[in-house]
Protein backbone atom coordinates (compact mmCIF):
# COMPACT_ATOMS: atom_id res chain seq x y z
CA MET A 1 -7.42 152.31 117.13
CA SER A 2 -4.48 153.84 119.03
CA TRP A 3 -1.45 151.60 119.42
CA THR A 4 -0.01 153.75 122.22
CA PRO A 5 -1.45 151.74 125.16
CA LEU A 6 -0.22 148.47 123.63
CA THR A 7 3.24 149.98 123.08
CA TRP A 8 3.38 151.18 126.69
CA ALA A 9 2.32 147.70 127.83
CA LEU A 10 5.04 146.11 125.65
CA LEU A 11 7.68 148.45 127.03
CA ALA A 12 6.60 147.69 130.59
CA ALA A 13 6.78 143.93 129.86
CA VAL A 14 10.29 144.21 128.37
CA ILE A 15 11.54 146.21 131.37
CA ALA A 16 9.90 143.79 133.82
CA LEU A 17 11.45 140.83 132.00
CA PHE A 18 14.85 142.52 132.17
CA LEU A 19 14.56 143.18 135.88
CA VAL A 20 13.31 139.71 136.80
CA ARG A 21 15.46 137.73 134.40
CA THR A 22 18.71 139.72 134.59
CA VAL A 23 19.06 142.62 137.05
CA ILE A 24 17.64 141.11 140.24
CA PRO A 25 19.49 137.77 139.92
CA ALA A 26 22.71 139.52 138.93
CA SER A 27 22.64 141.90 141.91
CA GLY A 28 23.10 139.01 144.31
CA MET A 29 25.83 137.16 142.44
CA ILE A 30 29.56 137.20 143.12
CA SER A 31 31.34 136.73 139.86
CA SER A 32 34.83 136.79 138.39
CA GLY A 33 34.52 140.02 136.31
CA TYR A 34 33.18 141.98 139.23
CA LEU A 35 35.88 140.67 141.55
CA ALA A 36 38.60 142.13 139.35
CA CYS A 37 37.15 145.59 139.90
CA TYR A 38 36.35 145.14 143.59
CA VAL A 39 39.72 143.58 144.58
CA GLY A 40 41.59 146.10 142.42
CA GLY A 41 39.83 148.88 144.30
CA GLN A 42 40.73 147.25 147.59
CA MET A 43 44.40 147.12 146.64
CA VAL A 44 44.30 150.83 145.85
CA LYS A 45 42.51 151.54 149.11
CA ASN A 46 45.15 149.59 151.06
CA ARG A 47 47.95 151.51 149.27
CA GLU A 48 49.53 148.32 147.99
CA PRO A 49 52.26 148.50 145.31
CA GLY A 50 50.73 149.00 141.92
CA ASP A 51 52.38 145.94 140.39
CA HIS A 52 50.33 143.75 142.77
CA LEU A 53 47.47 144.29 140.38
CA TYR A 54 49.33 142.23 137.76
CA ASP A 55 50.68 139.54 140.06
CA GLU A 56 48.37 136.80 138.82
CA LYS A 57 48.96 134.36 141.67
CA LEU A 58 48.50 137.07 144.30
CA PHE A 59 45.37 138.44 142.69
CA LEU A 60 43.78 135.01 142.26
CA GLY A 61 44.35 134.21 145.86
CA ARG A 62 43.07 137.55 147.10
CA SER A 63 39.94 137.45 144.98
CA GLU A 64 39.18 133.89 146.14
CA GLN A 65 39.66 134.90 149.74
CA VAL A 66 37.43 138.04 149.42
CA SER A 67 34.67 136.05 147.77
CA GLY A 68 34.78 133.27 150.30
CA GLY A 69 35.75 130.77 147.58
CA GLN A 70 32.77 131.63 145.38
CA ALA A 71 34.86 132.95 142.49
CA ARG A 72 38.23 134.29 141.53
CA ASP A 73 39.75 136.46 138.86
CA VAL A 74 42.84 138.32 137.62
CA TYR A 75 43.13 142.05 137.00
CA SER A 76 45.29 141.88 133.91
CA PRO A 77 45.20 143.26 131.25
CA ASP A 78 42.99 146.15 132.46
CA PRO A 79 44.84 149.50 132.70
CA PRO A 80 45.81 150.78 136.19
CA PRO A 81 43.34 153.74 136.25
CA LEU A 82 40.42 151.30 136.34
CA ALA A 83 41.42 150.19 139.84
CA VAL A 84 41.26 153.83 141.01
CA VAL A 85 37.80 154.25 139.44
CA CYS A 86 36.73 151.09 141.38
CA LEU A 87 38.10 152.56 144.61
CA PRO A 88 34.70 153.83 145.95
CA LEU A 89 33.30 150.24 145.77
CA ALA A 90 36.08 149.04 148.09
CA TYR A 91 34.61 151.06 150.97
CA LEU A 92 31.44 148.92 150.83
CA THR A 93 30.93 145.27 151.69
CA LEU A 94 31.32 142.85 148.83
CA LEU A 95 27.58 142.35 148.35
CA ASP A 96 26.60 146.00 148.92
CA ALA A 97 29.14 147.06 146.32
CA ARG A 98 27.72 144.48 143.92
CA HIS A 99 24.22 145.93 144.37
CA VAL A 100 25.50 149.45 143.73
CA TRP A 101 27.48 148.37 140.67
CA ILE A 102 24.64 146.42 139.04
CA TRP A 103 22.22 149.30 139.41
CA LEU A 104 24.79 151.70 138.05
CA ASN A 105 24.92 149.43 135.04
CA VAL A 106 21.17 149.72 134.70
CA LEU A 107 21.62 153.47 134.68
CA PHE A 108 24.38 153.28 132.04
CA LEU A 109 22.25 151.07 129.81
CA GLY A 110 19.16 153.25 130.24
CA LEU A 111 21.10 156.41 129.41
CA SER A 112 22.47 154.74 126.30
CA ILE A 113 18.99 153.84 125.07
CA ALA A 114 17.66 157.35 125.82
CA LEU A 115 20.56 159.08 124.03
CA ILE A 116 20.18 156.90 120.92
CA ALA A 117 16.42 157.37 120.84
CA THR A 118 16.70 161.14 121.10
CA GLN A 119 19.33 161.15 118.34
CA PHE A 120 17.09 159.16 116.03
CA SER A 121 14.17 161.62 116.46
CA ARG A 122 13.13 164.57 118.59
CA PRO A 123 11.00 164.06 120.52
CA PRO A 124 11.88 160.38 120.75
CA GLN A 125 9.17 157.98 119.56
CA LEU A 126 7.66 155.58 122.07
CA LEU A 127 7.92 152.69 119.58
CA THR A 128 11.62 153.46 119.00
CA ILE A 129 12.29 153.48 122.73
CA THR A 130 10.47 150.16 123.14
CA LEU A 131 12.30 148.43 120.31
CA LEU A 132 15.66 149.75 121.52
CA THR A 133 14.92 148.63 125.04
CA ALA A 134 14.06 145.16 123.85
CA LEU A 135 17.21 144.93 121.70
CA PHE A 136 19.51 146.25 124.45
CA THR A 137 18.07 144.40 127.44
CA LEU A 138 17.19 140.97 126.04
CA ALA A 139 20.44 140.32 124.13
CA ALA A 140 22.65 137.51 125.49
CA PRO A 141 25.77 139.79 125.74
CA THR A 142 23.86 142.18 127.99
CA ARG A 143 22.72 139.40 130.31
CA ASP A 144 26.30 138.12 130.45
CA GLN A 145 27.60 141.63 131.15
CA PHE A 146 25.28 141.95 134.14
CA PHE A 147 25.82 138.44 135.52
CA LEU A 148 29.61 138.92 135.43
CA GLY A 149 29.44 142.49 136.69
CA GLN A 150 31.55 143.78 133.83
CA LEU A 151 32.27 147.35 132.63
CA TYR A 152 30.78 147.18 129.13
CA ALA A 153 27.53 148.98 129.85
CA LEU A 154 29.68 151.95 130.80
CA LEU A 155 31.80 151.50 127.65
CA LEU A 156 28.60 151.38 125.57
CA LEU A 157 27.49 154.68 127.11
CA LEU A 158 30.88 156.28 126.41
CA HIS A 159 30.72 155.18 122.73
CA VAL A 160 27.14 156.42 122.46
CA ILE A 161 28.18 159.82 123.84
CA GLY A 162 31.15 159.84 121.44
CA TRP A 163 28.93 158.94 118.49
CA ARG A 164 26.42 161.72 119.18
CA ALA A 165 29.17 164.28 119.81
CA TYR A 166 31.18 163.26 116.75
CA ILE A 167 28.36 163.55 114.22
CA GLY A 168 27.40 166.83 115.91
CA ARG A 169 30.99 168.08 115.46
CA ARG A 170 31.53 168.52 119.17
CA ASP A 171 35.12 167.27 119.00
CA ALA A 172 36.05 167.99 122.59
CA LEU A 173 33.31 165.75 123.96
CA ALA A 174 33.84 163.08 121.30
CA GLY A 175 37.55 162.93 121.99
CA THR A 176 37.14 162.89 125.77
CA ALA A 177 34.70 159.99 125.57
CA LEU A 178 37.18 158.04 123.44
CA GLY A 179 40.07 158.91 125.76
CA LEU A 180 38.12 157.63 128.82
CA ALA A 181 37.24 154.35 127.04
CA MET A 182 40.87 153.85 126.07
CA VAL A 183 42.31 154.53 129.55
CA LEU A 184 39.71 152.48 131.39
CA LYS A 185 39.54 149.41 129.15
CA VAL A 186 41.80 149.97 126.13
CA SER A 187 38.64 150.22 124.09
CA GLY A 188 38.16 152.27 120.92
CA TRP A 189 41.33 152.52 118.91
CA PRO A 190 39.48 152.02 115.57
CA ILE A 191 37.50 155.16 116.40
CA GLY A 192 40.78 156.99 116.87
CA LEU A 193 41.90 155.73 113.46
CA LEU A 194 38.68 157.06 111.91
CA MET A 195 39.27 160.47 113.54
CA ILE A 196 42.76 160.61 112.10
CA ALA A 197 41.58 159.56 108.63
CA GLN A 198 38.89 162.29 108.71
CA ARG A 199 41.46 164.80 109.99
CA ARG A 200 39.42 165.60 113.08
CA TRP A 201 42.54 166.68 114.90
CA ALA A 202 40.68 168.43 117.68
CA ALA A 203 38.91 165.18 118.57
CA VAL A 204 42.21 163.28 118.44
CA GLY A 205 43.88 165.89 120.64
CA TRP A 206 41.09 165.73 123.25
CA ALA A 207 41.32 161.91 123.27
CA VAL A 208 45.03 162.09 123.99
CA ILE A 209 44.52 164.79 126.66
CA ALA A 210 41.79 162.77 128.39
CA ALA A 211 43.75 159.53 128.40
CA LEU A 212 46.97 161.16 129.58
CA GLY A 213 45.16 163.33 132.09
CA ILE A 214 43.43 160.37 133.78
CA SER A 215 46.68 158.37 133.70
CA ILE A 216 48.58 161.19 135.42
CA ILE A 217 45.84 161.97 137.97
CA THR A 218 45.70 158.32 139.08
CA LEU A 219 49.48 157.90 139.38
CA PRO A 220 49.54 158.70 143.11
CA TRP A 221 47.35 155.66 143.72
CA VAL A 222 48.93 153.10 141.39
CA GLY A 223 52.42 154.44 140.63
CA ILE A 224 54.72 153.81 137.66
CA ASP A 225 55.23 150.20 138.65
CA ALA A 226 51.62 149.39 137.76
CA TRP A 227 52.07 150.76 134.23
CA ARG A 228 55.35 148.93 133.87
CA ALA A 229 53.75 145.64 134.89
CA GLU A 230 50.80 146.25 132.52
CA ILE A 231 53.02 146.95 129.50
CA LEU A 232 55.71 144.37 130.15
CA SER A 233 53.62 141.56 131.64
CA GLY A 234 49.85 142.09 131.44
CA ILE A 235 49.36 142.84 127.77
CA PRO A 236 51.99 140.36 126.39
CA LYS A 237 50.53 137.59 128.54
CA VAL A 238 47.06 138.08 127.13
CA LEU A 239 48.30 138.28 123.52
CA GLY A 240 50.30 135.08 123.86
CA SER A 241 47.92 133.06 126.03
CA PRO A 242 46.85 129.64 124.73
CA ALA A 243 43.41 130.44 126.10
CA ALA A 244 42.91 132.68 123.07
CA THR A 245 42.32 129.47 121.05
CA LEU A 246 39.09 128.81 123.00
CA THR A 247 35.80 129.66 121.30
CA ALA A 248 34.86 131.58 124.48
CA TYR A 249 36.85 134.39 122.88
CA GLN A 250 34.77 135.68 119.99
CA ASP A 251 37.38 137.82 118.27
CA THR A 252 39.35 137.72 115.06
CA ALA A 253 42.72 136.90 116.60
CA GLY A 254 41.20 134.03 118.56
CA PHE A 255 39.38 132.75 115.49
CA TRP A 256 42.60 132.33 113.49
CA GLN A 257 44.45 130.89 116.51
CA HIS A 258 41.71 128.33 117.00
CA TRP A 259 42.29 126.91 113.54
CA PHE A 260 46.07 127.25 113.36
CA ARG A 261 47.53 127.00 116.86
CA PHE A 262 48.00 123.70 118.69
CA ASP A 263 47.77 123.43 122.43
CA ALA A 264 47.67 119.96 124.08
CA GLN A 265 45.09 120.95 126.68
CA LEU A 266 43.07 123.81 125.28
CA ASN A 267 43.17 123.29 121.49
CA PRO A 268 44.29 119.76 120.55
CA ASN A 269 42.60 119.66 117.13
CA PRO A 270 43.52 122.68 114.96
CA ILE A 271 43.49 122.30 111.21
CA ILE A 272 47.27 122.57 111.24
CA ASP A 273 49.75 123.77 113.82
CA ALA A 274 50.99 127.00 112.23
CA PRO A 275 50.75 129.88 114.74
CA TRP A 276 52.75 132.07 112.34
CA LEU A 277 49.90 131.68 109.84
CA ALA A 278 47.36 132.70 112.48
CA THR A 279 49.43 135.85 113.13
CA ILE A 280 49.63 136.70 109.41
CA LEU A 281 45.91 136.17 108.87
CA THR A 282 45.09 138.30 111.95
CA LEU A 283 47.23 141.15 110.71
CA ALA A 284 45.85 140.86 107.18
CA THR A 285 42.24 140.94 108.42
CA THR A 286 42.98 143.94 110.62
CA VAL A 287 44.63 145.91 107.82
CA ILE A 288 41.88 145.12 105.29
CA ALA A 289 39.15 146.07 107.77
CA CYS A 290 40.85 149.36 108.71
CA ILE A 291 41.34 150.30 105.05
CA ALA A 292 37.71 149.47 104.31
CA LEU A 293 36.67 151.68 107.27
CA VAL A 294 38.40 154.83 106.05
CA MET A 295 38.68 154.60 102.25
CA ARG A 296 35.09 154.99 101.01
CA LYS A 297 32.88 158.05 101.32
CA ARG A 298 29.89 157.49 103.57
CA PRO A 299 27.89 159.40 106.17
CA THR A 300 29.84 159.99 109.37
CA TYR A 301 27.27 158.33 111.57
CA ALA A 302 27.73 155.06 109.62
CA SER A 303 31.57 155.27 109.65
CA PHE A 304 31.57 155.84 113.38
CA ALA A 305 29.17 152.95 113.94
CA ALA A 306 31.40 150.66 111.85
CA ALA A 307 34.43 151.75 113.87
CA VAL A 308 32.58 150.84 117.09
CA ALA A 309 31.94 147.38 115.62
CA LEU A 310 35.66 146.96 114.93
CA VAL A 311 36.47 147.85 118.55
CA GLU A 312 35.52 144.30 119.66
CA LEU A 313 36.00 142.42 116.43
CA LEU A 314 39.69 143.34 116.53
CA SER A 315 40.11 143.05 120.29
CA PRO A 316 42.67 140.42 121.34
CA ALA A 317 40.34 138.84 123.89
CA ALA A 318 36.65 139.61 123.28
CA GLU A 319 34.18 137.44 125.14
CA GLN A 320 30.39 137.44 124.76
CA TYR A 321 29.83 140.37 127.15
CA HIS A 322 32.14 142.57 125.03
CA TYR A 323 29.45 142.50 122.38
CA THR A 324 27.25 144.75 124.52
CA VAL A 325 29.19 147.57 122.84
CA LEU A 326 27.98 146.38 119.38
CA LEU A 327 24.38 147.12 120.29
CA LEU A 328 25.02 150.73 119.25
CA PRO A 329 26.02 149.94 115.63
CA LEU A 330 23.32 147.26 115.53
CA ALA A 331 20.66 149.88 116.43
CA ILE A 332 22.04 152.21 113.79
CA LEU A 333 21.91 149.48 111.13
CA TRP A 334 18.26 148.71 111.95
CA ARG A 335 17.39 152.44 111.74
CA ASP A 336 19.21 152.77 108.45
CA ALA A 337 17.65 149.65 106.96
CA TRP A 338 14.16 150.79 107.91
CA LEU A 339 14.56 154.26 106.47
CA GLU A 340 15.97 152.87 103.26
CA ARG A 341 13.46 149.98 103.07
CA SER A 342 16.48 147.98 101.95
CA ARG A 343 15.84 144.20 101.92
CA PHE A 344 19.59 143.58 102.01
CA ALA A 345 20.14 145.84 105.04
CA LEU A 346 17.07 144.48 106.86
CA SER A 347 18.21 140.94 106.26
CA ALA A 348 21.73 141.75 107.39
CA ALA A 349 20.36 143.42 110.52
CA ALA A 350 18.17 140.44 111.32
CA VAL A 351 20.96 137.88 110.86
CA ALA A 352 23.47 139.97 112.83
CA THR A 353 20.91 140.44 115.68
CA PHE A 354 20.34 136.68 115.83
CA LEU A 355 24.05 135.78 115.78
CA ILE A 356 25.03 138.50 118.29
CA GLY A 357 22.07 138.41 120.63
CA TRP A 358 20.55 134.89 120.65
CA PRO A 359 21.68 132.51 123.44
CA ILE A 360 23.73 130.11 121.28
CA HIS A 361 25.86 127.49 122.98
CA TYR A 362 28.99 128.31 121.04
CA LYS A 363 31.39 127.21 123.78
CA SER A 364 30.48 123.55 123.26
CA SER A 365 32.72 121.33 121.11
CA HIS A 366 31.97 121.48 117.38
CA PRO A 367 33.65 119.95 114.36
CA ALA A 368 36.13 122.15 112.47
CA TRP A 369 33.76 122.89 109.61
CA ALA A 370 31.04 124.21 111.96
CA PHE A 371 32.59 127.63 112.37
CA LEU A 372 29.09 129.22 112.47
CA LEU A 373 28.32 127.31 115.62
CA SER A 374 31.72 128.04 117.16
CA TYR A 375 31.94 131.78 116.32
CA PRO A 376 28.42 133.17 116.02
CA ARG A 377 29.11 136.49 117.76
CA LEU A 378 32.20 137.10 115.64
CA LEU A 379 30.36 136.29 112.41
CA GLY A 380 27.44 138.45 113.37
CA GLY A 381 29.79 141.30 114.15
CA TRP A 382 31.49 141.09 110.77
CA ILE A 383 28.09 140.99 109.00
CA LEU A 384 27.17 144.10 110.95
CA PHE A 385 30.41 145.85 110.03
CA ALA A 386 30.11 144.99 106.31
CA ALA A 387 26.50 146.11 106.18
CA LEU A 388 27.28 149.47 107.75
CA LEU A 389 30.00 150.01 105.17
CA MET A 390 27.58 149.31 102.32
CA THR A 391 25.10 152.02 103.23
CA TRP A 392 23.84 153.89 100.18
CA ARG A 393 22.43 156.91 101.95
CA THR A 394 23.84 160.26 100.78
CA THR A 395 22.44 162.36 103.58
CA ASP A 396 22.93 162.04 107.29
CA GLU A 397 19.23 161.86 108.21
CA ILE A 398 19.97 160.83 111.77
CA VAL A 399 21.91 163.98 112.74
CA ASP A 400 19.76 166.50 114.57
CA GLU A 401 21.02 169.88 113.42
CA ARG A 402 20.42 171.32 116.89
CA MET A 403 23.25 169.07 118.08
CA ALA A 404 25.65 171.13 115.95
CA ALA A 405 25.30 174.20 118.14
CA GLY A 406 23.41 176.16 115.55
CA ARG A 407 25.65 175.26 112.65
CA ARG A 408 24.35 173.17 109.73
CA SER A 409 26.08 169.83 109.71
CA ASP A 410 27.70 168.74 106.48
CA SER A 411 25.22 166.23 105.09
CA ARG A 412 27.78 164.65 102.91
CA GLU A 413 30.58 164.41 105.45
CA SER A 414 32.49 161.24 104.66
CA ALA A 415 34.94 158.86 106.24
CA GLY A 416 37.66 160.24 103.97
CA GLY A 417 36.84 163.93 104.22
CA GLY A 418 35.53 165.39 107.46
């Protein structure tokens, strides 16, 4: 009996469920994340001073006015070039721009799935495409990303392109993808750290060129004042905000602040009020994770995937929709676990998938000891990161040698060598 018709039917069912449950409802919504992009694009279109992007009171009022009171948002701490990228949307009506943006996100997600599937095997297997589609479209972070009209489907695509290019030793493309992610959303610095540790200087150089190039090209629209406001006001405000103590932020810095930083309104019941301890523990966790990323020899595909996981785990304000980016390393862990037939890796992949993708009500109030209920996405991300670092494979079976432009890839390229 051939399983192909059943697999096609399953793929069609998953796509239909995604469209009916997520895409179609999201296309008609006006939400906060989307407003940041749309109103930012409007300010650029109207040639307003760049620092208006980071005037919180002004932006909140403008976004509320544009949405007819349906929602409001702030632009900070997004970098100024993002507003220029959003400029084309500002020439459309609010709802028309929303439709365009949501369907662009569908395209970004579909391209990510296709690129991963073709990297896993050529030609790509129907079952692989089906499983990847289910994983990527049914996960709670993806649904959140679409409902809020966020940018993380595009960031996922950039990291997928960077991953394929990096393991194929196409450093110009890998670096450019990282540079774009950094300048649009300050996303990807652990990947840059990995490139430096592996002495992939060409990739590092292209990342710098791409980031600086986009920053310079967009200066006529946003000006120096926008960058000054971002650096002096936008970023510091996010890092010091009491809102970081809320469990809505599923990141390491927020985790430690939740337990060790008192705020009368947002976090009245920490274990103790010791914000200095939260800072120390955040720095310690970051340093240990970065050392673990670069110190041990492992296949490059696994090191890059682990670096992508750290992108959001170490972000200063990672909400659920940020974890859309972690679908790439999650897919790689599942592939690795299946090829190895490793019970440990399969178990880790299953637990990480549940904690990252299942609709858990983690924003509700929980007692201090119930950290699993309060930070499921964060815990799932750290399990994913640790499992990727513990890979025992000695050959890079995922790399298609044709991706290396005719050159044989180094099957034992490691995080410390390169």
